[in-house]
C-alpha atoms as a PDB file:
ATOM      1  CA  MET A   1       0.000   0.000   0.000  1.00  0.00           C
ATOM      2  CA  THR A   2       1.467   3.348  -0.981  1.00  0.00           C
ATOM      3  CA  ALA A   3      -0.888   5.801   0.654  1.00  0.00           C
ATOM      4  CA  GLU A   4      -3.438   5.988   3.426  1.00  0.00           C
ATOM      5  CA  LEU A   5      -6.081   8.523   4.393  1.00  0.00           C
ATOM      6  CA  THR A   6      -8.764   8.512   7.056  1.00  0.00           C
ATOM      7  CA  LEU A   7     -12.496   8.791   6.523  1.00  0.00           C
ATOM      8  CA  LYS A   8     -14.181  10.468   9.500  1.00  0.00           C
ATOM      9  CA  ILE A   9     -17.847   9.864  10.259  1.00  0.00           C
ATOM     10  CA  LYS A  10     -19.752  11.798  12.915  1.00  0.00           C
ATOM     11  CA  LEU A  11     -23.290  10.745  13.824  1.00  0.00           C
ATOM     12  CA  LEU A  12     -25.587  13.775  13.802  1.00  0.00           C
ATOM     13  CA  SER A  13     -28.568  11.649  14.797  1.00  0.00           C
ATOM     14  CA  ASP A  14     -29.096   8.207  16.298  1.00  0.00           C
ATOM     15  CA  THR A  15     -28.095   5.672  13.658  1.00  0.00           C
ATOM     16  CA  THR A  16     -28.504   1.960  12.967  1.00  0.00           C
ATOM     17  CA  PHE A  17     -25.787   0.360  10.889  1.00  0.00           C
ATOM     18  CA  GLY A  18     -27.419  -3.040  11.138  1.00  0.00           C
ATOM     19  CA  ARG A  19     -25.774  -6.426  10.878  1.00  0.00           C
ATOM     20  CA  GLY A  20     -28.762  -8.045   9.170  1.00  0.00           C
ATOM     21  CA  ASP A  21     -30.308  -9.835  12.129  1.00  0.00           C
ATOM     22  CA  GLY A  22     -31.616  -9.274  15.618  1.00  0.00           C
ATOM     23  CA  VAL A  23     -31.397 -10.729  19.103  1.00  0.00           C
ATOM     24  CA  VAL A  24     -34.301 -12.937  20.081  1.00  0.00           C
ATOM     25  CA  GLY A  25     -36.379 -11.329  22.792  1.00  0.00           C
ATOM     26  CA  LEU A  26     -34.442  -8.058  22.685  1.00  0.00           C
ATOM     27  CA  VAL A  27     -34.226  -6.328  19.288  1.00  0.00           C
ATOM     28  CA  ASP A  28     -35.324  -7.082  15.732  1.00  0.00           C
ATOM     29  CA  ALA A  29     -32.365  -5.146  14.275  1.00  0.00           C
ATOM     30  CA  GLU A  30     -28.992  -5.267  16.010  1.00  0.00           C
ATOM     31  CA  VAL A  31     -26.146  -2.888  15.197  1.00  0.00           C
ATOM     32  CA  GLU A  32     -22.722  -3.900  13.952  1.00  0.00           C
ATOM     33  CA  HIS A  33     -20.317  -4.140  16.869  1.00  0.00           C
ATOM     34  CA  ASP A  34     -17.097  -5.808  17.906  1.00  0.00           C
ATOM     35  CA  ALA A  35     -18.075  -8.999  19.718  1.00  0.00           C
ATOM     36  CA  SER A  36     -14.982  -8.905  21.947  1.00  0.00           C
ATOM     37  CA  THR A  37     -15.513  -5.354  23.260  1.00  0.00           C
ATOM     38  CA  GLY A  38     -19.124  -4.426  22.503  1.00  0.00           C
ATOM     39  CA  LEU A  39     -17.970  -1.251  20.741  1.00  0.00           C
ATOM     40  CA  PRO A  40     -20.069  -0.242  17.701  1.00  0.00           C
ATOM     41  CA  ILE A  41     -18.324  -0.383  14.321  1.00  0.00           C
ATOM     42  CA  ILE A  42     -19.216   0.299  10.689  1.00  0.00           C
ATOM     43  CA  ARG A  43     -18.119  -2.226   8.087  1.00  0.00           C
ATOM     44  CA  GLY A  44     -15.804  -1.033   5.359  1.00  0.00           C
ATOM     45  CA  ARG A  45     -18.062  -2.647   2.769  1.00  0.00           C
ATOM     46  CA  THR A  46     -20.986  -0.602   4.085  1.00  0.00           C
ATOM     47  CA  LEU A  47     -19.022   2.648   3.884  1.00  0.00           C
ATOM     48  CA  LYS A  48     -17.782   1.898   0.389  1.00  0.00           C
ATOM     49  CA  GLY A  49     -21.357   1.304  -0.753  1.00  0.00           C
ATOM     50  CA  LEU A  50     -22.445   4.657   0.662  1.00  0.00           C
ATOM     51  CA  LEU A  51     -19.528   6.440  -1.003  1.00  0.00           C
ATOM     52  CA  VAL A  52     -20.362   4.803  -4.331  1.00  0.00           C
ATOM     53  CA  GLU A  53     -23.972   6.014  -4.023  1.00  0.00           C
ATOM     54  CA  ALA A  54     -22.811   9.538  -3.193  1.00  0.00           C
ATOM     55  CA  CYS A  55     -20.407   9.450  -6.142  1.00  0.00           C
ATOM     56  CA  ALA A  56     -23.100   8.264  -8.550  1.00  0.00           C
ATOM     57  CA  ASP A  57     -25.303  11.199  -7.523  1.00  0.00           C
ATOM     58  CA  ILE A  58     -22.468  13.661  -8.168  1.00  0.00           C
ATOM     59  CA  LEU A  59     -21.582  12.211 -11.570  1.00  0.00           C
ATOM     60  CA  TYR A  60     -25.220  12.168 -12.670  1.00  0.00           C
ATOM     61  CA  ALA A  61     -25.725  15.791 -11.624  1.00  0.00           C
ATOM     62  CA  LEU A  62     -22.649  16.809 -13.642  1.00  0.00           C
ATOM     63  CA  GLY A  63     -23.590  14.824 -16.730  1.00  0.00           C
ATOM     64  CA  ASN A  64     -21.013  12.052 -16.150  1.00  0.00           C
ATOM     65  CA  PRO A  65     -17.888  13.931 -17.294  1.00  0.00           C
ATOM     66  CA  GLU A  66     -15.276  11.571 -18.680  1.00  0.00           C
ATOM     67  CA  ASP A  67     -12.397  12.427 -16.353  1.00  0.00           C
ATOM     68  CA  LEU A  68     -14.477  12.206 -13.159  1.00  0.00           C
ATOM     69  CA  THR A  69     -16.081   8.964 -14.316  1.00  0.00           C
ATOM     70  CA  ALA A  70     -12.580   7.573 -14.836  1.00  0.00           C
ATOM     71  CA  ALA A  71     -11.566   8.798 -11.376  1.00  0.00           C
ATOM     72  CA  ALA A  72     -14.608   7.063  -9.851  1.00  0.00           C
ATOM     73  CA  LYS A  73     -13.646   3.794 -11.539  1.00  0.00           C
ATOM     74  CA  TRP A  74     -10.084   4.202 -10.261  1.00  0.00           C
ATOM     75  CA  LEU A  75     -11.343   4.669  -6.704  1.00  0.00           C
ATOM     76  CA  PHE A  76     -14.211   2.198  -6.530  1.00  0.00           C
ATOM     77  CA  GLY A  77     -13.732  -0.189  -9.438  1.00  0.00           C
ATOM     78  CA  VAL A  78     -16.624  -1.525 -11.508  1.00  0.00           C
ATOM     79  CA  GLY A  79     -18.865  -4.560 -11.257  1.00  0.00           C
ATOM     80  CA  GLY A  80     -17.186  -7.742 -12.464  1.00  0.00           C
ATOM     81  CA  SER A  81     -13.794  -6.031 -12.349  1.00  0.00           C
ATOM     82  CA  ASN A  82     -10.837  -7.482 -14.206  1.00  0.00           C
ATOM     83  CA  LEU A  83      -7.231  -6.533 -13.571  1.00  0.00           C
ATOM     84  CA  ASP A  84      -7.698  -3.323 -15.546  1.00  0.00           C
ATOM     85  CA  SER A  85     -10.810  -2.144 -13.708  1.00  0.00           C
ATOM     86  CA  GLN A  86     -10.282  -3.112 -10.066  1.00  0.00           C
ATOM     87  CA  ALA A  87     -10.604  -0.531  -7.312  1.00  0.00           C
ATOM     88  CA  HIS A  88      -7.356   1.061  -6.175  1.00  0.00           C
ATOM     89  CA  MET A  89      -8.881   2.102  -2.839  1.00  0.00           C
ATOM     90  CA  ARG A  90      -9.854  -0.205  -0.006  1.00  0.00           C
ATOM     91  CA  VAL A  91     -12.095   1.030   2.816  1.00  0.00           C
ATOM     92  CA  GLY A  92     -11.330  -0.391   6.256  1.00  0.00           C
ATOM     93  CA  ARG A  93     -13.869  -0.745   9.022  1.00  0.00           C
ATOM     94  CA  ALA A  94     -14.731   2.366  10.996  1.00  0.00           C
ATOM     95  CA  GLU A  95     -14.073   2.350  14.713  1.00  0.00           C
ATOM     96  CA  LEU A  96     -14.508   4.742  17.613  1.00  0.00           C
ATOM     97  CA  PRO A  97     -11.509   6.831  18.787  1.00  0.00           C
ATOM     98  CA  SER A  98      -8.428   4.754  19.592  1.00  0.00           C
ATOM     99  CA  ASP A  99      -8.130   6.119  23.136  1.00  0.00           C
ATOM    100  CA  LEU A 100     -11.687   4.967  23.896  1.00  0.00           C
ATOM    101  CA  VAL A 101     -10.993   1.551  22.382  1.00  0.00           C
ATOM    102  CA  ALA A 102      -7.813   1.242  24.479  1.00  0.00           C
ATOM    103  CA  TYR A 103      -9.632   2.306  27.642  1.00  0.00           C
ATOM    104  CA  VAL A 104     -12.427  -0.224  27.131  1.00  0.00           C
ATOM    105  CA  LYS A 105      -9.937  -3.032  26.497  1.00  0.00           C
ATOM    106  CA  GLY A 106      -8.175  -2.180  29.738  1.00  0.00           C
ATOM    107  CA  GLN A 107     -11.307  -2.405  31.866  1.00  0.00           C
ATOM    108  CA  SER A 108     -13.373  -5.316  33.133  1.00  0.00           C
ATOM    109  CA  PHE A 109     -16.658  -4.229  31.525  1.00  0.00           C
ATOM    110  CA  THR A 110     -18.543  -6.891  29.608  1.00  0.00           C
ATOM    111  CA  PRO A 111     -19.233  -6.378  25.881  1.00  0.00           C
ATOM    112  CA  THR A 112     -22.940  -6.108  26.675  1.00  0.00           C
ATOM    113  CA  GLN A 113     -22.319  -3.315  29.191  1.00  0.00           C
ATOM    114  CA  ILE A 114     -20.220  -1.383  26.682  1.00  0.00           C
ATOM    115  CA  LEU A 115     -22.736  -1.833  23.873  1.00  0.00           C
ATOM    116  CA  GLU A 116     -25.647  -0.721  26.058  1.00  0.00           C
ATOM    117  CA  SER A 117     -23.729   2.373  27.250  1.00  0.00           C
ATOM    118  CA  LEU A 118     -23.281   3.644  23.686  1.00  0.00           C
ATOM    119  CA  THR A 119     -26.616   2.636  22.206  1.00  0.00           C
ATOM    120  CA  SER A 120     -30.317   2.709  22.844  1.00  0.00           C
ATOM    121  CA  ILE A 121     -33.328   0.752  21.609  1.00  0.00           C
ATOM    122  CA  ARG A 122     -36.030   2.436  19.546  1.00  0.00           C
ATOM    123  CA  ARG A 123     -39.446   0.876  19.024  1.00  0.00           C
ATOM    124  CA  GLN A 124     -42.031   1.708  16.388  1.00  0.00           C
ATOM    125  CA  THR A 125     -45.243   0.283  15.050  1.00  0.00           C
ATOM    126  CA  ALA A 126     -47.233   0.606  11.852  1.00  0.00           C
ATOM    127  CA  VAL A 127     -50.577   2.382  12.030  1.00  0.00           C
ATOM    128  CA  ASP A 128     -53.801   1.017  10.580  1.00  0.00           C
ATOM    129  CA  GLU A 129     -55.368   4.078   8.921  1.00  0.00           C
ATOM    130  CA  SER A 130     -58.633   2.206   8.363  1.00  0.00           C
ATOM    131  CA  LYS A 131     -59.042   1.921  12.131  1.00  0.00           C
ATOM    132  CA  PHE A 132     -58.455   5.577  12.982  1.00  0.00           C
ATOM    133  CA  GLY A 133     -54.765   5.299  13.792  1.00  0.00           C
ATOM    134  CA  VAL A 134     -54.868   2.068  15.791  1.00  0.00           C
ATOM    135  CA  PRO A 135     -51.507   0.216  15.665  1.00  0.00           C
ATOM    136  CA  GLN A 136     -51.494  -2.757  13.330  1.00  0.00           C
ATOM    137  CA  GLU A 137     -51.462  -6.024  15.195  1.00  0.00           C
ATOM    138  CA  GLY A 138     -48.048  -7.660  15.247  1.00  0.00           C
ATOM    139  CA  SER A 139     -46.310  -4.652  13.686  1.00  0.00           C
ATOM    140  CA  LEU A 140     -44.197  -3.598  16.682  1.00  0.00           C
ATOM    141  CA  ARG A 141     -40.514  -3.611  15.764  1.00  0.00           C
ATOM    142  CA  SER A 142     -37.448  -2.659  17.754  1.00  0.00           C
ATOM    143  CA  ALA A 143     -34.014  -1.558  16.562  1.00  0.00           C
ATOM    144  CA  ARG A 144     -30.854  -0.685  18.407  1.00  0.00           C
ATOM    145  CA  VAL A 145     -29.362   2.694  17.527  1.00  0.00           C
ATOM    146  CA  VAL A 146     -25.877   4.071  18.078  1.00  0.00           C
ATOM    147  CA  LEU A 147     -26.179   7.368  19.914  1.00  0.00           C
ATOM    148  CA  ARG A 148     -25.695  10.666  18.130  1.00  0.00           C
ATOM    149  CA  GLY A 149     -22.462  12.581  18.648  1.00  0.00           C
ATOM    150  CA  LEU A 150     -20.160   9.583  18.378  1.00  0.00           C
ATOM    151  CA  GLU A 151     -17.331   9.818  15.860  1.00  0.00           C
ATOM    152  CA  PHE A 152     -15.810   6.976  13.863  1.00  0.00           C
ATOM    153  CA  SER A 153     -12.629   6.710  11.808  1.00  0.00           C
ATOM    154  CA  ALA A 154     -12.054   4.369   8.861  1.00  0.00           C
ATOM    155  CA  PRO A 155      -8.667   3.906   7.134  1.00  0.00           C
ATOM    156  CA  LEU A 156      -8.583   4.306   3.356  1.00  0.00           C
ATOM    157  CA  HIS A 157      -5.806   2.273   1.754  1.00  0.00           C
ATOM    158  CA  PHE A 158      -4.494   2.845  -1.786  1.00  0.00           C
ATOM    159  CA  ASP A 159      -2.395   0.430  -3.792  1.00  0.00           C
ATOM    160  CA  LYS A 160      -1.247   3.289  -6.028  1.00  0.00           C
ATOM    161  CA  GLU A 161      -0.599   6.935  -5.247  1.00  0.00           C
ATOM    162  CA  PRO A 162      -3.905   8.799  -5.848  1.00  0.00           C
ATOM    163  CA  GLU A 163      -3.863  11.836  -8.094  1.00  0.00           C
ATOM    164  CA  GLU A 164      -5.384  15.205  -7.290  1.00  0.00           C
ATOM    165  CA  THR A 165      -8.558  14.405  -9.262  1.00  0.00           C
ATOM    166  CA  HIS A 166      -9.039  11.176  -7.311  1.00  0.00           C
ATOM    167  CA  LEU A 167      -8.697  12.910  -3.954  1.00  0.00           C
ATOM    168  CA  ALA A 168     -10.870  15.868  -4.939  1.00  0.00           C
ATOM    169  CA  LEU A 169     -13.656  13.549  -6.102  1.00  0.00           C
ATOM    170  CA  LEU A 170     -13.328  11.441  -2.960  1.00  0.00           C
ATOM    171  CA  ALA A 171     -13.622  14.551  -0.788  1.00  0.00           C
ATOM    172  CA  ALA A 172     -16.759  15.557  -2.687  1.00  0.00           C
ATOM    173  CA  CYS A 173     -18.233  12.075  -2.218  1.00  0.00           C
ATOM    174  CA  ALA A 174     -17.546  12.271   1.523  1.00  0.00           C
ATOM    175  CA  ALA A 175     -19.179  15.695   1.772  1.00  0.00           C
ATOM    176  CA  ASN A 176     -22.171  14.428  -0.203  1.00  0.00           C
ATOM    177  CA  LEU A 177     -22.704  11.490   2.152  1.00  0.00           C
ATOM    178  CA  LYS A 178     -25.374  12.871   4.458  1.00  0.00           C
ATOM    179  CA  ARG A 179     -27.279   9.771   5.605  1.00  0.00           C
ATOM    180  CA  GLY A 180     -26.602   6.110   6.243  1.00  0.00           C
ATOM    181  CA  GLY A 181     -27.917   3.013   7.931  1.00  0.00           C
ATOM    182  CA  SER A 182     -31.433   1.681   8.205  1.00  0.00           C
ATOM    183  CA  GLY A 183     -34.262   4.085   8.970  1.00  0.00           C
ATOM    184  CA  ARG A 184     -32.425   6.912   7.212  1.00  0.00           C
ATOM    185  CA  ASN A 185     -35.649   7.930   5.457  1.00  0.00           C
ATOM    186  CA  ARG A 186     -37.401   8.195   8.812  1.00  0.00           C
ATOM    187  CA  GLY A 187     -35.128  10.652  10.583  1.00  0.00           C
ATOM    188  CA  ARG A 188     -32.243   8.412  11.606  1.00  0.00           C
ATOM    189  CA  GLY A 189     -28.754   8.183  10.225  1.00  0.00           C
ATOM    190  CA  ARG A 190     -27.808  11.821   9.618  1.00  0.00           C
ATOM    191  CA  LEU A 191     -24.058  11.981   9.122  1.00  0.00           C
ATOM    192  CA  LYS A 192     -21.183  14.388   8.701  1.00  0.00           C
ATOM    193  CA  VAL A 193     -18.363  12.796   6.705  1.00  0.00           C
ATOM    194  CA  TRP A 194     -14.977  14.173   5.710  1.00  0.00           C
ATOM    195  CA  LEU A 195     -11.412  13.188   4.818  1.00  0.00           C
ATOM    196  CA  GLU A 196      -8.305  13.598   6.910  1.00  0.00           C
ATOM    197  CA  GLY A 197      -4.860  13.171   5.422  1.00  0.00           C
ATOM    198  CA  THR A 198      -2.316  15.000   3.318  1.00  0.00           C
ATOM    199  CA  GLU A 199      -4.683  17.861   2.452  1.00  0.00           C
ATOM    200  CA  ALA A 200      -7.578  19.403   4.345  1.00  0.00           C
ATOM    201  CA  GLN A 201     -11.112  18.545   3.271  1.00  0.00           C
ATOM    202  CA  ASP A 202     -11.873  22.187   2.434  1.00  0.00           C
ATOM    203  CA  THR A 203      -8.785  22.413   0.207  1.00  0.00           C
ATOM    204  CA  LEU A 204      -9.817  19.332  -1.728  1.00  0.00           C
ATOM    205  CA  LEU A 205     -13.384  20.579  -2.075  1.00  0.00           C
ATOM    206  CA  ASN A 206     -12.115  23.891  -3.433  1.00  0.00           C
ATOM    207  CA  LYS A 207     -10.121  22.006  -6.056  1.00  0.00           C
ATOM    208  CA  PHE A 208     -13.183  19.952  -6.942  1.00  0.00           C
ATOM    209  CA  GLU A 209     -15.346  23.058  -7.270  1.00  0.00           C
ATOM    210  CA  LYS A 210     -12.791  24.630  -9.616  1.00  0.00           C
ATOM    211  CA  ARG A 211     -12.799  21.452 -11.666  1.00  0.00           C
ATOM    212  CA  ILE A 212     -16.583  21.283 -12.021  1.00  0.00           C
ATOM    213  CA  GLY A 213     -16.744  24.975 -12.834  1.00  0.00           C
ATOM    214  CA  GLY A 214     -15.572  24.001 -16.305  1.00  0.00           C
ATOM    215  CA  VAL A 215     -18.166  21.228 -16.489  1.00  0.00           C
ATOM    216  CA  ARG A 216     -21.015  23.510 -15.531  1.00  0.00           C
ATOM    217  CA  ALA A 217     -19.925  26.111 -18.014  1.00  0.00           C
END
């Protein structure tokens, strides 16, 4: 690996990055977490998918300019990639601050205690409009949420040195990533995402804005 940046994710609202199942008798949707510590995490695969979505929105809005489309393929690869079209960036899993992780590992708390201290359980039910707002029978569902205000960091690894266009587009994708996780269309999962590394996020965004100025013209 020749280069590494960090993707920062701050939760602006309670968020559920689910693991695809629940815990019988407790929650229908459990959050991703480290089984050994109980600390919430976000899978790298999940983050990459969100970045790809954010990138697709940007490219569509700009009319899919050739150079940015090529930069997107360089970063994220394409479906059914061969050796010429594989992604040059790998997204690692996002974790809470390293000092918090170290503190938790040095204590005698159980994983369940740690998980419950950083999360909460939200319950909701569907409403039967034909019965004047009465909850639908059997529709009660519960989901664990990671509490707002927590901040995660995910390493971004590159197998080749990224060019300015790659980094500028990546910064724009991060800035465009505003929501994530399940329930994001119902008020959960508001995010603030940015890059940390060789150049500040604002500097990279300024370069991207200069680049798309020509596209818009």
